[in-house]
Protein backbone atom coordinates (compact mmCIF):
# COMPACT_ATOMS: atom_id res chain seq x y z
CA MET A 1 -52.46 46.88 22.63
CA ALA A 2 -50.08 44.70 24.58
CA ALA A 3 -46.82 46.04 25.95
CA PRO A 4 -43.68 45.14 24.02
CA ARG A 5 -41.88 42.09 25.32
CA LYS A 6 -38.52 42.54 26.98
CA TYR A 7 -37.25 39.09 25.98
CA PRO A 8 -37.53 37.49 22.52
CA ASP A 9 -39.81 34.47 22.18
CA GLU A 10 -36.90 32.19 21.29
CA LEU A 11 -35.11 33.10 24.52
CA ARG A 12 -38.30 32.57 26.54
CA GLU A 13 -38.85 29.14 25.01
CA ARG A 14 -35.23 28.06 25.45
CA ALA A 15 -34.99 29.29 29.04
CA THR A 16 -38.31 27.69 29.95
CA ARG A 17 -37.36 24.37 28.38
CA LEU A 18 -33.98 24.33 30.17
CA ALA A 19 -35.55 25.21 33.52
CA VAL A 20 -38.35 22.64 33.23
CA GLU A 21 -35.84 19.92 32.32
CA ALA A 22 -33.50 20.94 35.15
CA ARG A 23 -36.34 20.89 37.68
CA ARG A 24 -37.25 17.33 36.67
CA ASP A 25 -33.73 16.12 37.53
CA PRO A 26 -33.43 15.87 41.36
CA VAL A 27 -29.67 16.51 41.20
CA SER A 28 -29.99 19.88 39.43
CA ALA A 29 -33.43 20.92 40.73
CA GLY A 30 -32.15 23.08 43.59
CA GLY A 31 -31.65 26.65 42.39
CA ALA A 32 -32.20 25.67 38.78
CA ILE A 33 -34.28 28.70 37.89
CA LYS A 34 -31.83 31.20 39.39
CA ARG A 35 -28.84 29.46 37.80
CA ILE A 36 -30.39 29.29 34.33
CA ALA A 37 -31.71 32.85 34.57
CA ASP A 38 -28.24 34.13 35.42
CA GLN A 39 -26.66 32.15 32.58
CA LEU A 40 -29.12 33.51 30.00
CA GLY A 41 -29.38 37.06 31.33
CA VAL A 42 -33.04 36.75 32.28
CA HIS A 43 -34.61 38.02 35.49
CA PRO A 44 -35.24 35.00 37.77
CA GLU A 45 -38.83 36.00 38.53
CA ALA A 46 -39.61 36.29 34.82
CA LEU A 47 -38.25 32.79 34.27
CA ARG A 48 -40.13 31.48 37.31
CA THR A 49 -43.38 32.87 35.84
CA TRP A 50 -42.67 31.29 32.45
CA VAL A 51 -41.93 27.94 34.07
CA LYS A 52 -45.14 28.05 36.13
CA GLN A 53 -47.17 28.79 32.99
CA ALA A 54 -45.41 26.03 31.04
CA GLU A 55 -46.12 23.53 33.82
CA THR A 56 -49.75 24.66 33.91
CA ASP A 57 -50.02 24.24 30.14
CA GLU A 58 -48.52 20.74 30.41
CA GLY A 59 -51.04 19.84 33.12
CA THR A 60 -48.44 19.19 35.82
CA ARG A 61 -49.58 22.24 37.82
CA PRO A 62 -53.16 23.32 38.50
CA GLY A 63 -54.38 26.57 37.02
CA THR A 64 -55.62 28.26 33.88
CA THR A 65 -53.78 27.22 30.73
CA SER A 66 -52.68 29.75 28.13
CA ALA A 67 -55.36 28.53 25.71
CA GLU A 68 -58.09 28.85 28.35
CA GLY A 69 -56.85 32.33 29.29
CA ALA A 70 -56.90 33.45 25.66
CA ARG A 71 -60.42 32.08 25.24
CA VAL A 72 -61.62 33.87 28.39
CA ALA A 73 -60.10 37.15 27.17
CA GLU A 74 -61.79 36.69 23.78
CA LEU A 75 -65.16 36.02 25.42
CA GLU A 76 -64.77 39.04 27.72
CA ARG A 77 -64.09 41.27 24.67
CA GLU A 78 -67.17 39.85 22.97
CA VAL A 79 -69.32 40.48 26.06
CA ARG A 80 -68.10 44.10 26.25
CA GLU A 81 -68.92 44.65 22.59
CA LEU A 82 -72.37 43.06 22.93
CA ARG A 83 -73.15 45.16 26.00
CA ARG A 84 -72.08 48.28 24.12
CA ALA A 85 -74.27 47.35 21.14
CA ASN A 86 -77.15 46.60 23.49
CA GLN A 87 -76.81 50.02 25.13
CA ILE A 88 -76.81 51.71 21.72
CA LEU A 89 -79.96 49.82 20.71
CA LYS A 90 -81.70 50.74 23.98
CA SER A 91 -80.83 54.40 23.49
CA ALA A 92 -82.08 54.33 19.91
CA ALA A 93 -85.29 52.58 20.94
CA SER A 94 -86.02 55.12 23.68
CA PHE A 95 -85.28 58.00 21.27
CA PHE A 96 -87.69 56.69 18.64
CA ALA A 97 -90.31 55.86 21.27
CA ALA A 98 -90.15 59.48 22.45
CA GLU A 99 -90.47 60.67 18.84
CA LEU A 100 -93.59 58.55 18.34
CA ASP A 101 -95.15 59.83 21.56
CA ARG A 102 -94.85 63.47 20.52
CA PRO A 103 -98.06 65.00 19.25
CA SER A 104 -98.01 65.72 15.54
CA ARG A 105 -98.38 69.29 14.37
């Protein structure tokens, strides 16, 4: 289960949008993240992380997009479950093989 979020989604989206727009304008780009974070009561590093992810999702920054990250996490869960099921089947197969090898009475 994921940890509860400190900031509401609406605040995250608004702060991210404001920061991305401010960074595009050369006049307001300097210190934009810190300024916007202070105005909205958000920690600057949290906002910086949101902005980096938003830029990655837009394709303006290299990296793994949110959709790709979610897909990777889903595939990793599936792999874990399949490995677990495989281990159960191997254990069951070895148990029944041992039962068949026992001499009958």
